[in-house]
Amino acid sequence: MSITENTAPAAPRTAETSVPIVSPLAERWSPRSFDPAATVSARQLDALLEAARWAPSANNSQPARFIVATRGSHHFDTIVGALVGFNAAWAGDASALIVAIAETSSIEGDIRPTAEYDLGQAVAHLSVQAQAEGLHTHQMAGVEWETLVAAFDLPENMKPLTVTAVGVVDRPERLADALAERETAPRSRRPLNELVLARS
């Protein structure tokens, strides 16, 4: 099933913002219920990765690296096998899993102190592009990283930090009760004045 054929309606989850923000940001949320029949095209994945490629980075060092696996592939099964806790219960229904990796030093050995921050920006760009594509993402850190490092033979300067599930959101009733409750709970954030420490 392609994304255009998916008929399971997603519950409205648009953020109630204090001032208007662009739709892909307001509508972005992190579901756990993904349609196990939906697929993500190679073009869509390329668009997500292209958005990540054009994220800013210190000195244009571009330290973001990715492992991309679609459902049904050996790499996908490897990544699912490394997930822990609740993540292992639902992520296998996603259309794709993307491991985000920070290249913490150059080939010459020069340390990149902002590599993890830069990777975060790249994944943020990726998630917004996914939303614009009609997809949803859910980022996870509950992962046995040693398993992925070994499975993909990552060198010492390649630090995996998150796994992002990508797919088409499905009905929350498909989840176990505890997860379904989280899926439909009201969205919340700290008020804006708690984020800003100083302003003039």
N, C-alpha and C. Protein backbone atom coordinates (compact mmCIF):
# COMPACT_ATOMS: atom_id res chain seq x y z
N MET A 1 0.85 -1.20 0.00
CA MET A 1 0.00 0.00 0.00
C MET A 1 0.88 1.24 0.00
N SER A 2 0.58 2.15 -0.88
CA SER A 2 1.33 3.40 -0.90
C SER A 2 0.69 4.39 0.06
N ILE A 3 1.38 5.49 0.29
CA ILE A 3 0.87 6.49 1.22
C ILE A 3 -0.47 7.06 0.75
N THR A 4 -0.66 7.20 -0.58
CA THR A 4 -1.89 7.78 -1.08
C THR A 4 -3.07 6.83 -0.92
N GLU A 5 -2.81 5.53 -0.72
CA GLU A 5 -3.88 4.57 -0.57
C GLU A 5 -4.26 4.34 0.88
N ASN A 6 -3.49 4.90 1.81
CA ASN A 6 -3.79 4.69 3.23
C ASN A 6 -5.09 5.39 3.59
N THR A 7 -6.00 4.66 4.26
CA THR A 7 -7.31 5.24 4.57
C THR A 7 -7.54 5.39 6.07
N ALA A 8 -6.59 4.99 6.89
CA ALA A 8 -6.78 5.11 8.34
C ALA A 8 -6.60 6.56 8.75
N PRO A 9 -7.65 7.22 9.21
CA PRO A 9 -7.52 8.64 9.56
C PRO A 9 -6.70 8.83 10.82
N ALA A 10 -5.86 9.84 10.80
CA ALA A 10 -5.07 10.18 11.98
C ALA A 10 -5.84 11.20 12.80
N ALA A 11 -5.79 11.05 14.11
CA ALA A 11 -6.43 12.02 14.98
C ALA A 11 -5.70 13.36 14.85
N PRO A 12 -6.44 14.47 14.83
CA PRO A 12 -5.78 15.78 14.75
C PRO A 12 -4.84 15.97 15.95
N ARG A 13 -3.60 16.35 15.67
CA ARG A 13 -2.62 16.52 16.74
C ARG A 13 -1.89 17.84 16.61
N THR A 14 -2.49 18.79 15.91
CA THR A 14 -1.83 20.07 15.68
C THR A 14 -1.57 20.77 17.01
N ALA A 15 -0.36 21.27 17.17
CA ALA A 15 0.02 21.95 18.40
C ALA A 15 -0.76 23.24 18.59
N GLU A 16 -1.11 23.52 19.85
CA GLU A 16 -1.74 24.79 20.19
C GLU A 16 -0.63 25.77 20.56
N THR A 17 -0.18 26.52 19.59
CA THR A 17 0.97 27.40 19.78
C THR A 17 0.54 28.77 20.27
N SER A 18 1.46 29.46 20.95
CA SER A 18 1.15 30.79 21.48
C SER A 18 1.12 31.84 20.38
N VAL A 19 1.84 31.59 19.29
CA VAL A 19 1.78 32.41 18.08
C VAL A 19 1.80 31.45 16.90
N PRO A 20 1.30 31.85 15.74
CA PRO A 20 1.28 30.93 14.60
C PRO A 20 2.69 30.52 14.16
N ILE A 21 2.84 29.24 13.80
CA ILE A 21 4.08 28.74 13.20
C ILE A 21 3.70 27.97 11.94
N VAL A 22 4.69 27.66 11.11
CA VAL A 22 4.41 27.00 9.83
C VAL A 22 3.79 25.62 10.07
N SER A 23 2.92 25.21 9.17
CA SER A 23 2.13 23.99 9.36
C SER A 23 2.95 22.73 9.60
N PRO A 24 4.03 22.47 8.84
CA PRO A 24 4.76 21.22 9.10
C PRO A 24 5.31 21.12 10.52
N LEU A 25 5.61 22.27 11.14
CA LEU A 25 6.09 22.25 12.53
C LEU A 25 4.94 22.08 13.50
N ALA A 26 3.84 22.78 13.26
CA ALA A 26 2.69 22.69 14.16
C ALA A 26 2.05 21.31 14.12
N GLU A 27 2.10 20.66 12.96
CA GLU A 27 1.44 19.37 12.78
C GLU A 27 2.35 18.19 13.09
N ARG A 28 3.64 18.45 13.31
CA ARG A 28 4.57 17.36 13.59
C ARG A 28 4.36 16.81 14.98
N TRP A 29 4.22 15.51 15.10
CA TRP A 29 4.20 14.84 16.39
C TRP A 29 4.79 13.45 16.20
N SER A 30 4.98 12.74 17.28
CA SER A 30 5.71 11.47 17.23
C SER A 30 4.80 10.29 17.56
N PRO A 31 4.14 9.74 16.54
CA PRO A 31 3.25 8.61 16.80
C PRO A 31 4.02 7.32 17.04
N ARG A 32 3.33 6.37 17.64
CA ARG A 32 3.86 5.01 17.79
C ARG A 32 3.07 4.02 16.95
N SER A 33 1.89 4.40 16.54
CA SER A 33 1.07 3.52 15.72
C SER A 33 1.30 3.84 14.25
N PHE A 34 1.99 2.94 13.57
CA PHE A 34 2.27 3.10 12.15
C PHE A 34 1.52 2.03 11.35
N ASP A 35 1.10 2.40 10.15
CA ASP A 35 0.41 1.47 9.27
C ASP A 35 1.40 0.42 8.77
N PRO A 36 1.21 -0.85 9.14
CA PRO A 36 2.18 -1.89 8.76
C PRO A 36 2.12 -2.27 7.28
N ALA A 37 1.13 -1.75 6.55
CA ALA A 37 1.02 -2.05 5.13
C ALA A 37 1.52 -0.91 4.25
N ALA A 38 1.70 0.26 4.83
CA ALA A 38 2.12 1.43 4.04
C ALA A 38 3.60 1.36 3.73
N THR A 39 3.96 1.88 2.58
CA THR A 39 5.37 1.93 2.18
C THR A 39 5.79 3.37 1.95
N VAL A 40 7.07 3.59 2.04
CA VAL A 40 7.66 4.91 1.75
C VAL A 40 8.53 4.72 0.51
N SER A 41 8.34 5.58 -0.47
CA SER A 41 9.07 5.43 -1.73
C SER A 41 10.52 5.86 -1.59
N ALA A 42 11.33 5.39 -2.53
CA ALA A 42 12.73 5.80 -2.56
C ALA A 42 12.83 7.31 -2.77
N ARG A 43 11.92 7.88 -3.56
CA ARG A 43 11.95 9.33 -3.77
C ARG A 43 11.68 10.08 -2.48
N GLN A 44 10.72 9.60 -1.69
CA GLN A 44 10.42 10.25 -0.42
C GLN A 44 11.62 10.16 0.53
N LEU A 45 12.23 9.00 0.62
CA LEU A 45 13.40 8.86 1.49
C LEU A 45 14.53 9.76 1.02
N ASP A 46 14.71 9.86 -0.30
CA ASP A 46 15.74 10.76 -0.82
C ASP A 46 15.44 12.21 -0.43
N ALA A 47 14.16 12.58 -0.44
CA ALA A 47 13.80 13.95 -0.06
C ALA A 47 14.12 14.21 1.40
N LEU A 48 13.86 13.22 2.27
CA LEU A 48 14.18 13.36 3.69
C LEU A 48 15.68 13.54 3.89
N LEU A 49 16.46 12.72 3.18
CA LEU A 49 17.91 12.78 3.32
C LEU A 49 18.47 14.05 2.69
N GLU A 50 17.85 14.52 1.63
CA GLU A 50 18.29 15.77 1.01
C GLU A 50 18.06 16.94 1.96
N ALA A 51 16.92 16.92 2.66
CA ALA A 51 16.66 17.96 3.66
C ALA A 51 17.73 17.93 4.74
N ALA A 52 18.09 16.73 5.18
CA ALA A 52 19.14 16.60 6.18
C ALA A 52 20.48 17.09 5.65
N ARG A 53 20.74 16.82 4.39
CA ARG A 53 22.02 17.21 3.77
C ARG A 53 22.21 18.72 3.77
N TRP A 54 21.10 19.46 3.68
CA TRP A 54 21.19 20.91 3.60
C TRP A 54 21.02 21.60 4.94
N ALA A 55 21.03 20.84 6.02
CA ALA A 55 21.01 21.45 7.35
C ALA A 55 22.33 22.16 7.62
N PRO A 56 22.30 23.22 8.42
CA PRO A 56 23.56 23.91 8.75
C PRO A 56 24.44 23.07 9.64
N SER A 57 25.75 23.29 9.54
CA SER A 57 26.70 22.62 10.43
C SER A 57 27.92 23.52 10.62
N ALA A 58 28.59 23.37 11.75
CA ALA A 58 29.75 24.21 12.05
C ALA A 58 30.83 24.04 11.00
N ASN A 59 31.28 25.16 10.47
CA ASN A 59 32.33 25.16 9.44
C ASN A 59 31.96 24.29 8.24
N ASN A 60 30.66 24.10 8.04
CA ASN A 60 30.18 23.25 6.96
C ASN A 60 30.83 21.86 6.99
N SER A 61 31.04 21.35 8.21
CA SER A 61 31.72 20.06 8.36
C SER A 61 30.83 18.88 7.99
N GLN A 62 29.53 19.07 8.02
CA GLN A 62 28.56 18.07 7.58
C GLN A 62 28.82 16.69 8.20
N PRO A 63 28.72 16.59 9.54
CA PRO A 63 29.08 15.34 10.21
C PRO A 63 27.95 14.30 10.28
N ALA A 64 26.79 14.61 9.72
CA ALA A 64 25.65 13.70 9.80
C ALA A 64 25.81 12.54 8.84
N ARG A 65 25.60 11.32 9.35
CA ARG A 65 25.63 10.12 8.54
C ARG A 65 24.39 9.29 8.88
N PHE A 66 23.91 8.49 7.93
CA PHE A 66 22.67 7.76 8.15
C PHE A 66 22.74 6.34 7.63
N ILE A 67 22.08 5.45 8.32
CA ILE A 67 21.79 4.11 7.83
C ILE A 67 20.29 4.07 7.60
N VAL A 68 19.87 3.75 6.39
CA VAL A 68 18.46 3.78 6.02
C VAL A 68 18.00 2.36 5.70
N ALA A 69 16.96 1.92 6.34
CA ALA A 69 16.47 0.55 6.14
C ALA A 69 14.96 0.55 5.98
N THR A 70 14.45 -0.09 4.95
CA THR A 70 13.02 -0.20 4.74
C THR A 70 12.51 -1.53 5.29
N ARG A 71 11.26 -1.51 5.71
CA ARG A 71 10.64 -2.70 6.30
C ARG A 71 10.74 -3.88 5.34
N GLY A 72 11.11 -5.03 5.89
CA GLY A 72 11.28 -6.23 5.09
C GLY A 72 12.72 -6.52 4.72
N SER A 73 13.62 -5.55 4.95
CA SER A 73 15.03 -5.75 4.62
C SER A 73 15.78 -6.31 5.82
N HIS A 74 16.94 -6.89 5.56
CA HIS A 74 17.78 -7.43 6.63
C HIS A 74 18.23 -6.32 7.57
N HIS A 75 18.61 -5.17 7.01
CA HIS A 75 19.04 -4.05 7.86
C HIS A 75 17.92 -3.60 8.79
N PHE A 76 16.70 -3.57 8.28
CA PHE A 76 15.55 -3.18 9.11
C PHE A 76 15.42 -4.13 10.29
N ASP A 77 15.48 -5.41 10.02
CA ASP A 77 15.36 -6.41 11.09
C ASP A 77 16.49 -6.27 12.11
N THR A 78 17.68 -5.95 11.62
CA THR A 78 18.82 -5.75 12.52
C THR A 78 18.56 -4.58 13.47
N ILE A 79 18.04 -3.49 12.92
CA ILE A 79 17.77 -2.31 13.75
C ILE A 79 16.66 -2.60 14.75
N VAL A 80 15.59 -3.22 14.31
CA VAL A 80 14.50 -3.57 15.22
C VAL A 80 15.02 -4.45 16.35
N GLY A 81 15.92 -5.37 16.03
CA GLY A 81 16.49 -6.27 17.04
C GLY A 81 17.31 -5.55 18.09
N ALA A 82 17.76 -4.32 17.79
CA ALA A 82 18.57 -3.55 18.74
C ALA A 82 17.73 -2.62 19.60
N LEU A 83 16.45 -2.50 19.30
CA LEU A 83 15.58 -1.61 20.07
C LEU A 83 15.22 -2.24 21.40
N VAL A 84 15.02 -1.40 22.41
CA VAL A 84 14.71 -1.91 23.75
C VAL A 84 13.41 -1.27 24.26
N GLY A 85 12.83 -1.89 25.28
CA GLY A 85 11.64 -1.35 25.92
C GLY A 85 10.45 -1.27 24.98
N PHE A 86 9.63 -0.24 25.19
CA PHE A 86 8.43 -0.06 24.38
C PHE A 86 8.75 0.06 22.89
N ASN A 87 9.92 0.60 22.56
CA ASN A 87 10.27 0.81 21.16
C ASN A 87 10.17 -0.47 20.35
N ALA A 88 10.62 -1.58 20.93
CA ALA A 88 10.61 -2.85 20.22
C ALA A 88 9.20 -3.33 19.93
N ALA A 89 8.22 -2.83 20.67
CA ALA A 89 6.85 -3.31 20.53
C ALA A 89 6.13 -2.71 19.33
N TRP A 90 6.54 -1.53 18.87
CA TRP A 90 5.79 -0.86 17.82
C TRP A 90 6.60 -0.48 16.59
N ALA A 91 7.89 -0.30 16.71
CA ALA A 91 8.68 0.28 15.62
C ALA A 91 8.76 -0.62 14.39
N GLY A 92 8.53 -1.91 14.55
CA GLY A 92 8.58 -2.81 13.42
C GLY A 92 7.49 -2.57 12.38
N ASP A 93 6.45 -1.79 12.75
CA ASP A 93 5.39 -1.45 11.80
C ASP A 93 5.73 -0.24 10.95
N ALA A 94 6.78 0.48 11.29
CA ALA A 94 7.16 1.65 10.50
C ALA A 94 7.59 1.22 9.11
N SER A 95 7.49 2.13 8.17
CA SER A 95 7.89 1.83 6.80
C SER A 95 9.40 1.83 6.63
N ALA A 96 10.08 2.63 7.43
CA ALA A 96 11.54 2.70 7.37
C ALA A 96 12.09 3.09 8.73
N LEU A 97 13.31 2.69 8.98
CA LEU A 97 14.05 3.10 10.17
C LEU A 97 15.35 3.73 9.72
N ILE A 98 15.68 4.87 10.33
CA ILE A 98 16.89 5.60 9.96
C ILE A 98 17.76 5.79 11.20
N VAL A 99 18.95 5.24 11.16
CA VAL A 99 19.91 5.43 12.24
C VAL A 99 20.69 6.70 11.94
N ALA A 100 20.68 7.63 12.91
CA ALA A 100 21.39 8.90 12.76
C ALA A 100 22.72 8.81 13.49
N ILE A 101 23.80 9.13 12.79
CA ILE A 101 25.15 8.93 13.29
C ILE A 101 25.94 10.23 13.17
N ALA A 102 26.66 10.57 14.23
CA ALA A 102 27.53 11.75 14.21
C ALA A 102 28.97 11.32 13.94
N GLU A 103 29.58 11.91 12.92
CA GLU A 103 31.00 11.69 12.66
C GLU A 103 31.75 12.66 13.57
N THR A 104 32.28 12.15 14.67
CA THR A 104 32.81 12.99 15.74
C THR A 104 34.21 13.53 15.48
N SER A 105 34.86 13.01 14.46
CA SER A 105 36.17 13.54 14.07
C SER A 105 36.37 13.32 12.58
N SER A 106 37.26 14.10 12.00
CA SER A 106 37.54 13.98 10.57
C SER A 106 38.44 12.77 10.32
N ILE A 107 38.64 12.45 9.07
CA ILE A 107 39.54 11.35 8.70
C ILE A 107 40.94 11.64 9.23
N GLU A 108 41.29 12.92 9.27
CA GLU A 108 42.62 13.31 9.76
C GLU A 108 42.70 13.28 11.29
N GLY A 109 41.59 13.05 11.96
CA GLY A 109 41.60 12.97 13.42
C GLY A 109 41.23 14.25 14.12
N ASP A 110 40.83 15.27 13.37
CA ASP A 110 40.43 16.54 13.99
C ASP A 110 39.05 16.36 14.66
N ILE A 111 38.97 16.70 15.96
CA ILE A 111 37.73 16.54 16.70
C ILE A 111 36.69 17.54 16.21
N ARG A 112 35.45 17.08 16.09
CA ARG A 112 34.34 17.94 15.72
C ARG A 112 33.45 18.12 16.94
N PRO A 113 33.68 19.16 17.74
CA PRO A 113 32.98 19.31 19.02
C PRO A 113 31.48 19.54 18.89
N THR A 114 31.03 20.00 17.74
CA THR A 114 29.59 20.26 17.58
C THR A 114 28.91 19.19 16.73
N ALA A 115 29.55 18.06 16.53
CA ALA A 115 29.00 17.04 15.63
C ALA A 115 27.62 16.57 16.06
N GLU A 116 27.43 16.36 17.36
CA GLU A 116 26.14 15.87 17.83
C GLU A 116 25.05 16.93 17.64
N TYR A 117 25.39 18.18 17.91
CA TYR A 117 24.44 19.28 17.69
C TYR A 117 24.08 19.37 16.21
N ASP A 118 25.09 19.29 15.36
CA ASP A 118 24.86 19.38 13.92
C ASP A 118 24.01 18.22 13.43
N LEU A 119 24.24 17.04 13.96
CA LEU A 119 23.41 15.90 13.60
C LEU A 119 21.96 16.14 14.00
N GLY A 120 21.76 16.72 15.19
CA GLY A 120 20.41 17.04 15.63
C GLY A 120 19.69 17.97 14.67
N GLN A 121 20.43 18.95 14.16
CA GLN A 121 19.82 19.86 13.18
C GLN A 121 19.44 19.11 11.91
N ALA A 122 20.30 18.20 11.49
CA ALA A 122 20.02 17.43 10.28
C ALA A 122 18.76 16.57 10.45
N VAL A 123 18.63 15.93 11.61
CA VAL A 123 17.47 15.09 11.86
C VAL A 123 16.20 15.95 11.98
N ALA A 124 16.34 17.14 12.55
CA ALA A 124 15.19 18.05 12.62
C ALA A 124 14.72 18.42 11.21
N HIS A 125 15.65 18.73 10.33
CA HIS A 125 15.28 19.03 8.94
C HIS A 125 14.61 17.82 8.30
N LEU A 126 15.15 16.65 8.55
CA LEU A 126 14.58 15.42 8.02
C LEU A 126 13.14 15.23 8.48
N SER A 127 12.88 15.50 9.76
CA SER A 127 11.54 15.27 10.30
C SER A 127 10.53 16.27 9.74
N VAL A 128 10.96 17.50 9.50
CA VAL A 128 10.06 18.50 8.92
C VAL A 128 9.75 18.15 7.46
N GLN A 129 10.76 17.69 6.73
CA GLN A 129 10.52 17.25 5.35
C GLN A 129 9.56 16.07 5.32
N ALA A 130 9.73 15.15 6.27
CA ALA A 130 8.81 14.01 6.34
C ALA A 130 7.38 14.48 6.52
N GLN A 131 7.18 15.46 7.39
CA GLN A 131 5.84 15.99 7.63
C GLN A 131 5.28 16.60 6.35
N ALA A 132 6.12 17.31 5.61
CA ALA A 132 5.69 17.91 4.35
C ALA A 132 5.34 16.86 3.31
N GLU A 133 5.95 15.67 3.44
CA GLU A 133 5.68 14.56 2.52
C GLU A 133 4.44 13.78 2.91
N GLY A 134 3.79 14.16 4.02
CA GLY A 134 2.63 13.43 4.49
C GLY A 134 2.98 12.23 5.34
N LEU A 135 4.22 12.20 5.82
CA LEU A 135 4.71 11.11 6.65
C LEU A 135 4.84 11.58 8.10
N HIS A 136 5.07 10.64 8.99
CA HIS A 136 5.34 10.96 10.38
C HIS A 136 6.64 10.29 10.81
N THR A 137 7.26 10.86 11.82
CA THR A 137 8.51 10.31 12.35
C THR A 137 8.41 10.18 13.86
N HIS A 138 9.19 9.26 14.38
CA HIS A 138 9.32 9.12 15.84
C HIS A 138 10.78 8.76 16.12
N GLN A 139 11.45 9.64 16.86
CA GLN A 139 12.87 9.44 17.17
C GLN A 139 13.02 8.67 18.48
N MET A 140 13.97 7.75 18.49
CA MET A 140 14.17 6.87 19.64
C MET A 140 15.64 6.87 20.06
N ALA A 141 15.83 6.77 21.37
CA ALA A 141 17.18 6.60 21.91
C ALA A 141 17.30 5.32 22.73
N GLY A 142 16.18 4.61 22.89
CA GLY A 142 16.20 3.34 23.61
C GLY A 142 16.70 2.24 22.70
N VAL A 143 18.01 2.17 22.54
CA VAL A 143 18.64 1.29 21.56
C VAL A 143 19.89 0.69 22.18
N GLU A 144 20.16 -0.57 21.87
CA GLU A 144 21.43 -1.18 22.23
C GLU A 144 22.46 -0.77 21.17
N TRP A 145 23.15 0.32 21.45
CA TRP A 145 24.03 0.90 20.44
C TRP A 145 25.17 -0.02 20.06
N GLU A 146 25.67 -0.78 21.03
CA GLU A 146 26.77 -1.69 20.72
C GLU A 146 26.38 -2.69 19.64
N THR A 147 25.11 -3.10 19.67
CA THR A 147 24.62 -4.05 18.66
C THR A 147 24.70 -3.44 17.26
N LEU A 148 24.28 -2.18 17.14
CA LEU A 148 24.31 -1.53 15.83
C LEU A 148 25.73 -1.22 15.38
N VAL A 149 26.56 -0.80 16.31
CA VAL A 149 27.96 -0.53 15.97
C VAL A 149 28.62 -1.78 15.40
N ALA A 150 28.36 -2.91 16.04
CA ALA A 150 28.95 -4.17 15.57
C ALA A 150 28.32 -4.62 14.26
N ALA A 151 27.00 -4.53 14.15
CA ALA A 151 26.30 -5.03 12.97
C ALA A 151 26.69 -4.26 11.71
N PHE A 152 26.91 -2.96 11.86
CA PHE A 152 27.24 -2.14 10.70
C PHE A 152 28.72 -1.76 10.65
N ASP A 153 29.51 -2.36 11.54
CA ASP A 153 30.97 -2.19 11.54
C ASP A 153 31.34 -0.71 11.54
N LEU A 154 30.74 0.04 12.46
CA LEU A 154 31.00 1.48 12.51
C LEU A 154 32.35 1.75 13.15
N PRO A 155 33.14 2.65 12.57
CA PRO A 155 34.44 3.00 13.17
C PRO A 155 34.25 3.82 14.43
N GLU A 156 35.35 4.02 15.16
CA GLU A 156 35.29 4.68 16.46
C GLU A 156 34.76 6.11 16.37
N ASN A 157 34.98 6.79 15.25
CA ASN A 157 34.55 8.18 15.13
C ASN A 157 33.11 8.32 14.63
N MET A 158 32.40 7.22 14.51
CA MET A 158 30.99 7.24 14.09
C MET A 158 30.12 6.87 15.28
N LYS A 159 29.41 7.86 15.83
CA LYS A 159 28.62 7.66 17.04
C LYS A 159 27.13 7.69 16.72
N PRO A 160 26.45 6.54 16.77
CA PRO A 160 25.00 6.55 16.55
C PRO A 160 24.28 7.14 17.76
N LEU A 161 23.28 7.98 17.49
CA LEU A 161 22.60 8.69 18.58
C LEU A 161 21.10 8.46 18.62
N THR A 162 20.48 8.29 17.48
CA THR A 162 19.03 8.07 17.45
C THR A 162 18.67 7.12 16.33
N VAL A 163 17.50 6.49 16.48
CA VAL A 163 16.86 5.77 15.39
C VAL A 163 15.51 6.45 15.17
N THR A 164 15.23 6.82 13.92
CA THR A 164 13.98 7.48 13.58
C THR A 164 13.09 6.54 12.79
N ALA A 165 11.89 6.30 13.31
CA ALA A 165 10.88 5.54 12.57
C ALA A 165 10.17 6.49 11.63
N VAL A 166 9.95 6.04 10.40
CA VAL A 166 9.28 6.84 9.38
C VAL A 166 8.13 6.03 8.81
N GLY A 167 6.96 6.65 8.68
CA GLY A 167 5.86 5.92 8.08
C GLY A 167 4.57 6.71 8.07
N VAL A 168 3.49 5.98 7.89
CA VAL A 168 2.15 6.56 7.82
C VAL A 168 1.44 6.23 9.12
N VAL A 169 0.92 7.26 9.77
CA VAL A 169 0.29 7.06 11.07
C VAL A 169 -0.98 6.22 10.93
N ASP A 170 -1.23 5.37 11.91
CA ASP A 170 -2.38 4.48 11.93
C ASP A 170 -3.21 4.75 13.18
N ARG A 171 -4.31 4.06 13.32
CA ARG A 171 -5.20 4.25 14.46
C ARG A 171 -4.51 3.81 15.75
N PRO A 172 -4.69 4.56 16.84
CA PRO A 172 -4.05 4.21 18.11
C PRO A 172 -4.56 2.90 18.69
N GLU A 173 -5.76 2.46 18.28
CA GLU A 173 -6.33 1.23 18.82
C GLU A 173 -5.49 0.00 18.49
N ARG A 174 -4.60 0.12 17.51
CA ARG A 174 -3.76 -1.00 17.15
C ARG A 174 -2.69 -1.27 18.21
N LEU A 175 -2.43 -0.30 19.07
CA LEU A 175 -1.39 -0.43 20.07
C LEU A 175 -1.90 -1.10 21.33
N ALA A 176 -0.99 -1.61 22.13
CA ALA A 176 -1.33 -2.09 23.46
C ALA A 176 -1.88 -0.93 24.28
N ASP A 177 -2.66 -1.24 25.31
CA ASP A 177 -3.38 -0.20 26.06
C ASP A 177 -2.48 0.93 26.55
N ALA A 178 -1.34 0.58 27.15
CA ALA A 178 -0.46 1.61 27.71
C ALA A 178 0.06 2.54 26.63
N LEU A 179 0.39 1.98 25.47
CA LEU A 179 0.89 2.79 24.38
C LEU A 179 -0.23 3.59 23.73
N ALA A 180 -1.41 3.00 23.60
CA ALA A 180 -2.54 3.72 23.02
C ALA A 180 -2.90 4.94 23.85
N GLU A 181 -2.78 4.80 25.17
CA GLU A 181 -3.07 5.92 26.05
C GLU A 181 -2.10 7.07 25.80
N ARG A 182 -0.82 6.74 25.63
CA ARG A 182 0.16 7.78 25.32
C ARG A 182 -0.14 8.43 23.97
N GLU A 183 -0.60 7.62 23.03
CA GLU A 183 -0.84 8.09 21.67
C GLU A 183 -1.91 9.17 21.61
N THR A 184 -2.88 9.08 22.50
CA THR A 184 -4.01 10.01 22.46
C THR A 184 -3.98 11.05 23.58
N ALA A 185 -2.97 11.02 24.42
CA ALA A 185 -2.87 12.00 25.51
C ALA A 185 -2.67 13.40 24.95
N PRO A 186 -3.18 14.42 25.62
CA PRO A 186 -3.00 15.80 25.14
C PRO A 186 -1.52 16.14 25.00
N ARG A 187 -1.21 16.87 23.97
CA ARG A 187 0.16 17.33 23.76
C ARG A 187 0.45 18.50 24.68
N SER A 188 1.67 18.60 25.15
CA SER A 188 2.00 19.71 26.04
C SER A 188 3.47 20.10 25.88
N ARG A 189 3.76 21.34 26.16
CA ARG A 189 5.12 21.87 26.18
C ARG A 189 5.20 22.89 27.31
N ARG A 190 6.41 23.16 27.74
CA ARG A 190 6.61 24.24 28.70
C ARG A 190 6.16 25.56 28.06
N PRO A 191 5.67 26.51 28.86
CA PRO A 191 5.33 27.81 28.29
C PRO A 191 6.57 28.51 27.76
N LEU A 192 6.35 29.36 26.79
CA LEU A 192 7.46 30.03 26.12
C LEU A 192 8.35 30.80 27.09
N ASN A 193 7.77 31.41 28.13
CA ASN A 193 8.57 32.23 29.03
C ASN A 193 9.52 31.40 29.89
N GLU A 194 9.32 30.08 29.94
CA GLU A 194 10.26 29.23 30.68
C GLU A 194 11.47 28.85 29.83
N LEU A 195 11.37 29.02 28.53
CA LEU A 195 12.47 28.68 27.64
C LEU A 195 13.47 29.84 27.51
N VAL A 196 12.96 31.04 27.54
CA VAL A 196 13.80 32.20 27.29
C VAL A 196 14.35 32.73 28.60
N LEU A 197 15.66 32.62 28.77
CA LEU A 197 16.30 33.04 30.02
C LEU A 197 16.55 34.54 30.06
N ALA A 198 16.75 35.14 28.91
CA ALA A 198 16.95 36.59 28.83
C ALA A 198 16.51 37.06 27.47
N ARG A 199 15.96 38.27 27.44
CA ARG A 199 15.48 38.82 26.17
C ARG A 199 15.45 40.34 26.30
N SER A 200 15.91 41.03 25.26
CA SER A 200 15.91 42.48 25.29
C SER A 200 15.59 43.05 23.93
